[in-house]
């Protein structure tokens, strides 16, 4: 257990380091302007928003008044532009970063509260569900999707599956179908986030807090914890969205998003590293959907980041296989292989996936389109692999054999 925790820390540190390097070597992404007498600020060029307004077409006699007002505001501040000059606006970078971090903390804490409440209410039901309804591949996929929807985490579902395989409660071949289904179940959260119901977050927070503290039964308290988690999730997402609003007109950020859309491999790398860092693909996709809904992320860039999140989520499950035995290790390896192969195909056909989503949900916002793209991607991936489960199971048993030949079990699917 100690080695597992140490590996998790190493994964976090490495992912954080690579993420910092990715941002550092992205040209002009964050061009900071930090005078000695001022706090750190960003120079954001606005695209001549006032060029067509009556004020912009006013006689040059108003120019002295504008200059006088600019001088009154501060000696170091830029003079108001006239004629063909671009308007500039200074944004406090420290305030922006602190806002994003605060929102991320609220969001992740909400995710943990929601997961705790759901797991407490569900009890052993997900395990019993996995044990009873994995008699064949298709039932296993449906069971994995249902368990992930209830637990709100594909990682939790797969780690539970790994533990059951290690304990001999679930067959290795049966576990593969559950892993496939968990990837479908994880798309439910993105669909809920895409509804943009942030304005109801305070209501969920208030009711959840009230139930959690004054509830008479444990069930009432756990329902309150679930509502509290939901409220914190949406409140945190709204805080992140509000903090990043200046990027909507920040040309380097717009260019970076365009680059990620044109080069999906780069976007997938960023998405994977961020997911390893926060240890939740659902959280990554939720943030992507929220920022896309406010116009910060384009559909191609959002799809690339989402594909990367599918790869990054494998880190936790691989760590969970340590010390669990060969059958559990094979399940973790299958999860990695499945996600990497499907994500690679998705990266190769990212443009076609974007076109398909736009044609299917042309009237929806970008956030909803990214959520729909995740469903289409995962369903197609499951359809691609479900018929190959027996072959994959036999191959993995040869690739990762049991410690003792006599302990090997035949694969029945």
Protein backbone atom coordinates (compact mmCIF):
# COMPACT_ATOMS: atom_id res chain seq x y z
CA UNK A 1 0.00 0.00 0.00
CA UNK A 2 2.87 2.36 0.82
CA UNK A 3 4.52 1.73 -2.55
CA UNK A 4 1.17 2.38 -4.26
CA UNK A 5 0.84 5.77 -2.53
CA UNK A 6 4.44 6.65 -3.39
CA UNK A 7 3.81 5.86 -7.06
CA UNK A 8 0.73 8.07 -7.02
CA UNK A 9 2.85 10.94 -5.69
CA UNK A 10 5.46 10.32 -8.39
CA UNK A 11 2.75 10.35 -11.08
CA UNK A 12 1.43 13.66 -9.77
CA UNK A 13 4.87 15.29 -9.64
CA UNK A 14 5.84 14.06 -13.11
CA UNK A 15 2.55 15.14 -14.65
CA UNK A 16 2.80 18.56 -13.00
CA UNK A 17 6.35 18.96 -14.29
CA UNK A 18 5.44 17.95 -17.84
CA UNK A 19 2.39 20.21 -17.78
CA UNK A 20 4.54 23.16 -16.73
CA UNK A 21 7.02 22.33 -19.51
CA UNK A 22 4.21 22.10 -22.06
CA UNK A 23 2.95 25.54 -21.09
CA UNK A 24 6.49 26.96 -20.95
CA UNK A 25 7.42 25.84 -24.45
CA UNK A 26 4.12 26.86 -26.03
CA UNK A 27 5.06 30.10 -27.83
CA UNK A 28 3.54 33.29 -26.42
CA UNK A 29 0.83 31.49 -24.48
CA UNK A 30 1.33 33.49 -21.31
CA UNK A 31 3.29 36.63 -22.14
CA UNK A 32 3.53 38.15 -18.67
CA UNK A 33 4.10 41.84 -18.09
CA UNK A 34 5.39 42.52 -14.58
CA UNK A 35 6.71 46.04 -13.78
CA UNK A 36 8.56 46.37 -10.51
CA UNK A 37 6.00 48.74 -9.02
CA UNK A 38 2.93 46.78 -10.12
CA UNK A 39 1.54 43.27 -9.61
CA UNK A 40 1.96 40.69 -12.35
CA UNK A 41 -0.39 41.47 -15.26
CA UNK A 42 -1.17 40.26 -18.74
CA UNK A 43 -1.24 42.51 -21.79
CA UNK A 44 -4.37 41.50 -23.64
CA UNK A 45 -4.89 42.98 -27.09
CA UNK A 46 -8.51 43.62 -27.97
CA UNK A 47 -9.59 43.39 -31.61
CA UNK A 48 -10.56 47.03 -32.10
CA UNK A 49 -13.95 46.50 -30.53
CA UNK A 50 -14.76 50.21 -30.59
CA UNK A 51 -13.69 50.80 -34.18
CA UNK A 52 -17.28 51.06 -35.46
CA UNK A 53 -18.79 52.93 -32.49
CA UNK A 54 -19.77 56.59 -32.66
CA UNK A 55 -17.15 57.39 -30.01
CA UNK A 56 -14.42 56.01 -32.27
CA UNK A 57 -15.66 58.18 -35.14
CA UNK A 58 -15.88 61.35 -33.06
CA UNK A 59 -13.77 64.37 -34.04
CA UNK A 60 -10.17 64.53 -32.93
CA UNK A 61 -11.15 67.30 -30.57
CA UNK A 62 -12.05 64.65 -27.99
CA UNK A 63 -8.49 63.24 -27.99
CA UNK A 64 -7.08 65.76 -25.46
CA UNK A 65 -9.85 64.83 -22.99
CA UNK A 66 -9.05 61.11 -23.36
CA UNK A 67 -5.35 61.79 -22.79
CA UNK A 68 -6.09 63.87 -19.72
CA UNK A 69 -8.20 61.08 -18.25
CA UNK A 70 -5.45 58.54 -18.97
CA UNK A 71 -2.86 60.68 -17.20
CA UNK A 72 -5.17 61.09 -14.21
CA UNK A 73 -5.47 57.31 -13.79
CA UNK A 74 -1.73 56.77 -13.34
CA UNK A 75 1.63 57.69 -14.73
CA UNK A 76 2.60 54.20 -15.82
CA UNK A 77 -0.74 53.26 -17.37
CA UNK A 78 -1.00 53.21 -21.14
CA UNK A 79 -2.58 56.21 -22.90
CA UNK A 80 -5.97 55.75 -24.47
CA UNK A 81 -5.56 54.73 -28.12
CA UNK A 82 -6.72 57.00 -30.90
CA UNK A 83 -7.22 56.48 -34.62
CA UNK A 84 -5.99 53.07 -35.76
CA UNK A 85 -4.28 52.13 -32.47
CA UNK A 86 -5.42 48.94 -30.67
CA UNK A 87 -7.09 49.09 -27.25
CA UNK A 88 -5.29 47.26 -24.49
CA UNK A 89 -6.48 46.02 -21.15
CA UNK A 90 -4.36 44.89 -18.23
CA UNK A 91 -5.46 41.77 -16.40
CA UNK A 92 -3.99 40.75 -13.07
CA UNK A 93 -2.41 37.35 -13.76
CA UNK A 94 -2.10 36.58 -10.05
CA UNK A 95 -5.81 37.15 -9.56
CA UNK A 96 -6.59 34.94 -12.54
CA UNK A 97 -4.40 32.06 -11.37
CA UNK A 98 -5.72 32.26 -7.82
CA UNK A 99 -9.29 32.23 -9.14
CA UNK A 100 -8.62 29.12 -11.23
CA UNK A 101 -6.92 27.35 -8.32
CA UNK A 102 -9.75 28.25 -5.94
CA UNK A 103 -12.31 26.95 -8.41
CA UNK A 104 -10.31 23.76 -8.96
CA UNK A 105 -10.10 23.11 -5.21
CA UNK A 106 -13.87 23.61 -4.80
CA UNK A 107 -14.55 21.41 -7.80
CA UNK A 108 -12.30 18.52 -6.73
CA UNK A 109 -13.55 18.68 -3.16
CA UNK A 110 -17.09 18.53 -4.50
CA UNK A 111 -16.17 15.47 -6.55
CA UNK A 112 -14.81 13.70 -3.46
CA UNK A 113 -17.92 14.59 -1.38
CA UNK A 114 -20.21 13.37 -4.15
CA UNK A 115 -18.26 10.13 -4.50
CA UNK A 116 -18.28 9.56 -0.74
CA UNK A 117 -22.03 10.09 -0.51
CA UNK A 118 -22.78 7.85 -3.48
CA UNK A 119 -20.52 5.06 -2.24
CA UNK A 120 -22.03 5.18 1.25
CA UNK A 121 -25.60 5.01 -0.04
CA UNK A 122 -24.77 2.38 -2.66
CA UNK A 123 -22.92 0.21 -0.12
CA UNK A 124 -22.13 -3.22 -1.53
CA UNK A 125 -24.69 -2.94 -4.32
CA UNK A 126 -22.12 -2.19 -7.06
CA UNK A 127 -20.09 -5.27 -6.05
CA UNK A 128 -23.20 -7.44 -6.01
CA UNK A 129 -24.18 -5.94 -9.36
CA UNK A 130 -20.80 -6.83 -10.83
CA UNK A 131 -20.98 -10.33 -9.41
CA UNK A 132 -24.51 -11.15 -10.60
CA UNK A 133 -24.80 -9.46 -13.98
CA UNK A 134 -21.50 -10.24 -15.72
CA UNK A 135 -22.52 -13.61 -17.12
CA UNK A 136 -21.71 -12.54 -20.70
CA UNK A 137 -19.94 -9.74 -22.51
CA UNK A 138 -22.97 -7.57 -23.20
CA UNK A 139 -24.30 -7.88 -19.65
CA UNK A 140 -20.81 -7.00 -18.41
CA UNK A 141 -20.73 -3.82 -20.51
CA UNK A 142 -24.15 -2.72 -19.23
CA UNK A 143 -23.15 -3.55 -15.66
CA UNK A 144 -19.92 -1.57 -15.94
CA UNK A 145 -21.80 1.42 -17.35
CA UNK A 146 -24.41 1.27 -14.58
CA UNK A 147 -21.83 0.89 -11.80
CA UNK A 148 -19.80 3.83 -13.13
CA UNK A 149 -22.91 6.00 -13.37
CA UNK A 150 -23.79 5.19 -9.75
CA UNK A 151 -20.24 5.72 -8.46
CA UNK A 152 -19.59 8.72 -10.76
CA UNK A 153 -16.07 7.47 -11.50
CA UNK A 154 -14.71 4.98 -14.00
CA UNK A 155 -11.49 4.74 -11.99
CA UNK A 156 -13.38 3.68 -8.86
CA UNK A 157 -15.31 1.07 -10.86
CA UNK A 158 -12.18 -0.37 -12.46
CA UNK A 159 -10.23 -0.37 -9.19
CA UNK A 160 -13.16 -2.24 -7.62
CA UNK A 161 -13.07 -4.71 -10.52
CA UNK A 162 -9.31 -5.18 -10.06
CA UNK A 163 -9.83 -5.92 -6.36
CA UNK A 164 -12.57 -8.46 -7.16
CA UNK A 165 -10.42 -10.16 -9.80
CA UNK A 166 -7.53 -10.31 -7.34
CA UNK A 167 -9.80 -11.88 -4.72
CA UNK A 168 -11.17 -14.42 -7.19
CA UNK A 169 -14.71 -12.98 -7.00
CA UNK A 170 -14.75 -12.02 -10.68
CA UNK A 171 -13.22 -13.82 -13.64
CA UNK A 172 -10.55 -12.09 -15.70
CA UNK A 173 -12.46 -12.37 -18.98
CA UNK A 174 -15.62 -11.08 -17.30
CA UNK A 175 -13.73 -8.06 -15.99
CA UNK A 176 -12.80 -6.93 -19.51
CA UNK A 177 -16.43 -6.30 -20.45
CA UNK A 178 -16.96 -4.32 -17.25
CA UNK A 179 -13.95 -2.15 -18.10
CA UNK A 180 -15.47 -1.43 -21.51
CA UNK A 181 -18.78 -0.48 -19.92
CA UNK A 182 -17.13 1.84 -17.41
CA UNK A 183 -15.91 4.02 -20.27
CA UNK A 184 -19.50 4.50 -21.41
CA UNK A 185 -20.76 5.20 -17.88
CA UNK A 186 -18.23 7.99 -17.37
CA UNK A 187 -19.88 10.04 -20.15
CA UNK A 188 -23.03 10.67 -18.08
CA UNK A 189 -21.32 13.33 -15.96
CA UNK A 190 -20.28 15.37 -19.00
CA UNK A 191 -23.86 15.34 -20.29
CA UNK A 192 -25.12 16.68 -16.95
CA UNK A 193 -22.44 19.41 -16.89
CA UNK A 194 -23.41 20.43 -20.43
CA UNK A 195 -26.87 21.47 -19.19
CA UNK A 196 -25.19 24.58 -17.69
CA UNK A 197 -27.23 24.59 -14.48
CA UNK A 198 -24.59 26.53 -12.53
CA UNK A 199 -27.18 29.05 -11.34
CA UNK A 200 -28.75 26.35 -9.18
CA UNK A 201 -25.50 25.54 -7.37
CA UNK A 202 -26.29 27.76 -4.32
CA UNK A 203 -29.63 25.96 -3.86
CA UNK A 204 -27.92 22.55 -3.92
CA UNK A 205 -25.26 23.83 -1.51
CA UNK A 206 -27.82 25.18 0.97
CA UNK A 207 -30.10 22.12 0.92
CA UNK A 208 -27.14 19.74 1.02
CA UNK A 209 -25.52 21.52 3.96
CA UNK A 210 -28.84 21.62 5.81
CA UNK A 211 -29.52 17.91 5.30
CA UNK A 212 -25.97 16.92 6.17
CA UNK A 213 -26.00 18.71 9.52
CA UNK A 214 -29.63 18.38 10.66
CA UNK A 215 -30.61 15.12 8.96
CA UNK A 216 -31.98 12.56 11.39
CA UNK A 217 -30.84 9.42 9.58
CA UNK A 218 -27.57 8.44 7.95
CA UNK A 219 -29.35 8.23 4.60
CA UNK A 220 -30.54 11.83 4.91
CA UNK A 221 -27.05 12.95 5.85
CA UNK A 222 -25.55 11.15 2.85
CA UNK A 223 -28.15 12.64 0.50
CA UNK A 224 -27.13 16.01 1.90
CA UNK A 225 -23.49 15.15 1.23
CA UNK A 226 -24.36 14.27 -2.38
CA UNK A 227 -26.20 17.57 -2.89
CA UNK A 228 -23.34 19.43 -1.22
CA UNK A 229 -20.89 17.77 -3.60
CA UNK A 230 -23.03 18.61 -6.64
CA UNK A 231 -23.28 22.23 -5.54
CA UNK A 232 -19.53 22.49 -4.97
CA UNK A 233 -18.84 20.93 -8.38
CA UNK A 234 -20.94 23.47 -10.25
CA UNK A 235 -19.80 26.36 -8.05
CA UNK A 236 -16.16 25.41 -8.63
CA UNK A 237 -16.68 25.12 -12.39
CA UNK A 238 -18.36 28.52 -12.42
CA UNK A 239 -15.43 29.99 -10.47
CA UNK A 240 -12.94 28.57 -12.99
CA UNK A 241 -15.02 29.86 -15.88
CA UNK A 242 -15.26 33.34 -14.36
CA UNK A 243 -11.51 33.49 -13.66
CA UNK A 244 -10.64 32.55 -17.25
CA UNK A 245 -13.00 34.99 -18.96
CA UNK A 246 -10.15 37.36 -19.97
CA UNK A 247 -8.77 34.58 -22.18
CA UNK A 248 -11.80 34.90 -24.46
CA UNK A 249 -10.17 37.85 -26.20
CA UNK A 250 -6.53 36.94 -25.52
CA UNK A 251 -5.11 36.19 -28.94
CA UNK A 252 -2.21 33.91 -27.83
CA UNK A 253 -4.69 31.69 -25.96
CA UNK A 254 -7.02 31.67 -28.97
CA UNK A 255 -4.08 30.70 -31.19
CA UNK A 256 -3.08 27.95 -28.73
CA UNK A 257 -6.59 26.48 -28.78
CA UNK A 258 -6.49 26.58 -32.58
CA UNK A 259 -3.13 24.77 -32.52
CA UNK A 260 -4.51 22.06 -30.23
CA UNK A 261 -7.43 21.62 -32.61
CA UNK A 262 -5.18 21.43 -35.67
CA UNK A 263 -2.71 19.09 -33.93
CA UNK A 264 -4.82 16.71 -31.80
CA UNK A 265 -1.74 14.88 -30.52
CA UNK A 266 -0.64 18.00 -28.64
CA UNK A 267 -4.11 18.47 -27.21
CA UNK A 268 -4.25 14.83 -26.14
CA UNK A 269 -0.89 15.18 -24.38
CA UNK A 270 -2.11 18.20 -22.40
CA UNK A 271 -5.37 16.44 -21.54
CA UNK A 272 -3.55 13.29 -20.40
CA UNK A 273 -1.10 15.18 -18.18
CA UNK A 274 -3.85 17.24 -16.58
CA UNK A 275 -5.90 14.09 -15.92
CA UNK A 276 -2.95 12.32 -14.28
CA UNK A 277 -2.44 15.42 -12.13
CA UNK A 278 -6.03 15.62 -10.82
CA UNK A 279 -6.60 11.84 -11.10
CA UNK A 280 -10.03 12.04 -12.73
CA UNK A 281 -10.95 11.95 -16.40
CA UNK A 282 -14.53 12.90 -15.50
CA UNK A 283 -13.24 16.05 -13.80
CA UNK A 284 -11.07 16.92 -16.80
CA UNK A 285 -13.93 16.51 -19.27
CA UNK A 286 -16.28 18.47 -16.99
CA UNK A 287 -13.85 21.41 -17.00
CA UNK A 288 -13.44 21.14 -20.78
CA UNK A 289 -17.21 21.14 -21.33
CA UNK A 290 -17.67 24.14 -19.02
CA UNK A 291 -14.94 26.23 -20.67
CA UNK A 292 -16.20 25.26 -24.13
CA UNK A 293 -19.70 26.37 -23.16
CA UNK A 294 -18.37 29.85 -22.41
CA UNK A 295 -16.44 30.08 -25.69
CA UNK A 296 -12.94 29.46 -24.33
CA UNK A 297 -12.35 26.09 -26.02
CA UNK A 298 -13.23 25.17 -29.60
CA UNK A 299 -14.77 21.84 -30.60
CA UNK A 300 -11.58 20.41 -32.22
CA UNK A 301 -9.44 21.43 -29.23
CA UNK A 302 -12.02 20.08 -26.78
CA UNK A 303 -12.12 16.72 -28.56
CA UNK A 304 -8.31 16.50 -28.48
CA UNK A 305 -8.20 17.28 -24.75
CA UNK A 306 -10.99 14.77 -24.10
CA UNK A 307 -9.07 12.03 -25.93
CA UNK A 308 -6.04 12.75 -23.77
CA UNK A 309 -8.16 12.49 -20.63
CA UNK A 310 -9.13 8.96 -21.67
CA UNK A 311 -5.44 8.00 -21.61
CA UNK A 312 -4.57 9.86 -18.41
CA UNK A 313 -7.21 8.03 -16.40
CA UNK A 314 -5.24 4.77 -16.78
CA UNK A 315 -2.58 5.92 -14.29
CA UNK A 316 -4.72 5.26 -11.20
CA UNK A 317 -5.84 1.83 -12.33
CA UNK A 318 -2.29 0.74 -13.15
CA UNK A 319 -1.13 1.82 -9.70
CA UNK A 320 -4.05 -0.11 -8.18
CA UNK A 321 -2.76 -3.36 -9.75
CA UNK A 322 0.46 -3.29 -7.72
CA UNK A 323 0.59 -6.28 -5.38
CA UNK A 324 -2.76 -7.60 -6.62
CA UNK A 325 -1.53 -10.62 -8.59
CA UNK A 326 -1.28 -11.42 -12.28
CA UNK A 327 -5.04 -11.56 -13.11
CA UNK A 328 -5.53 -8.06 -11.67
CA UNK A 329 -2.47 -6.83 -13.56
CA UNK A 330 -3.91 -8.17 -16.81
CA UNK A 331 -7.13 -6.23 -16.18
CA UNK A 332 -5.15 -3.02 -15.64
CA UNK A 333 -3.09 -3.65 -18.78
CA UNK A 334 -6.27 -4.22 -20.79
CA UNK A 335 -7.66 -0.88 -19.59
CA UNK A 336 -4.46 0.84 -20.71
CA UNK A 337 -4.39 -0.94 -24.09
CA UNK A 338 -8.06 -0.23 -24.76
CA UNK A 339 -7.80 3.47 -23.93
CA UNK A 340 -4.52 4.02 -25.77
CA UNK A 341 -5.65 2.20 -28.93
CA UNK A 342 -9.05 3.90 -29.09
CA UNK A 343 -7.55 7.31 -28.27
CA UNK A 344 -4.94 6.85 -31.01
CA UNK A 345 -7.68 6.06 -33.51
CA UNK A 346 -9.64 9.04 -32.21
CA UNK A 347 -6.65 11.34 -32.68
CA UNK A 348 -6.18 10.09 -36.24
CA UNK A 349 -9.84 10.76 -37.05
CA UNK A 350 -10.41 13.77 -34.77
CA UNK A 351 -11.45 16.02 -37.65
CA UNK A 352 -14.01 13.49 -38.87
CA UNK A 353 -15.34 13.04 -35.33
CA UNK A 354 -15.80 16.81 -35.03
CA UNK A 355 -17.67 16.90 -38.35
CA UNK A 356 -19.90 14.01 -37.26
CA UNK A 357 -20.75 15.69 -33.97
CA UNK A 358 -21.50 19.00 -35.69
CA UNK A 359 -23.84 17.30 -38.14
CA UNK A 360 -25.65 15.39 -35.39
CA UNK A 361 -25.95 18.25 -32.89
CA UNK A 362 -25.55 21.35 -35.04
CA UNK A 363 -27.95 23.42 -32.93
CA UNK A 364 -26.23 22.62 -29.63
CA UNK A 365 -23.46 24.58 -27.98
CA UNK A 366 -19.81 23.57 -28.14
CA UNK A 367 -19.92 22.15 -24.61
CA UNK A 368 -22.79 19.82 -25.50
CA UNK A 369 -21.03 18.83 -28.74
CA UNK A 370 -17.90 17.81 -26.82
CA UNK A 371 -20.02 15.77 -24.40
CA UNK A 372 -21.71 14.10 -27.39
CA UNK A 373 -18.32 13.44 -28.97
CA UNK A 374 -17.23 11.62 -25.82
CA UNK A 375 -20.29 9.35 -25.97
CA UNK A 376 -19.80 8.59 -29.67
CA UNK A 377 -16.08 7.92 -29.18
CA UNK A 378 -16.57 5.55 -26.25
CA UNK A 379 -19.51 3.67 -27.77
CA UNK A 380 -17.58 3.12 -31.01
CA UNK A 381 -14.56 1.96 -29.01
CA UNK A 382 -16.67 -0.57 -27.11
CA UNK A 383 -18.23 -1.85 -30.34
CA UNK A 384 -14.73 -2.25 -31.80
CA UNK A 385 -13.40 -4.27 -28.84
CA UNK A 386 -16.38 -6.24 -27.55
CA UNK A 387 -16.10 -8.92 -30.23
CA UNK A 388 -12.38 -9.30 -29.58
CA UNK A 389 -12.61 -9.97 -25.83
CA UNK A 390 -11.89 -13.74 -26.04
CA UNK A 391 -8.87 -13.17 -28.30
CA UNK A 392 -7.58 -10.30 -26.13
CA UNK A 393 -8.06 -12.34 -22.96
CA UNK A 394 -6.01 -15.24 -24.35
CA UNK A 395 -3.32 -12.87 -25.60
CA UNK A 396 -3.01 -11.13 -22.24
CA UNK A 397 -2.81 -14.46 -20.43
CA UNK A 398 0.17 -15.32 -22.63
CA UNK A 399 1.69 -11.86 -22.26
CA UNK A 400 1.19 -11.74 -18.48
CA UNK A 401 1.17 -15.41 -17.39
CA UNK A 402 0.30 -16.57 -13.91
CA UNK A 403 3.13 -17.19 -11.48
CA UNK A 404 2.26 -20.89 -11.45
CA UNK A 405 1.17 -22.66 -14.60
CA UNK A 406 -1.23 -24.89 -12.67
CA UNK A 407 -3.22 -21.91 -11.42
CA UNK A 408 -4.21 -20.73 -14.86
CA UNK A 409 -7.90 -20.88 -15.56
CA UNK A 410 -9.51 -21.39 -18.98
CA UNK A 411 -11.21 -18.40 -20.55
CA UNK A 412 -14.97 -18.82 -20.90
CA UNK A 413 -16.90 -15.89 -22.35
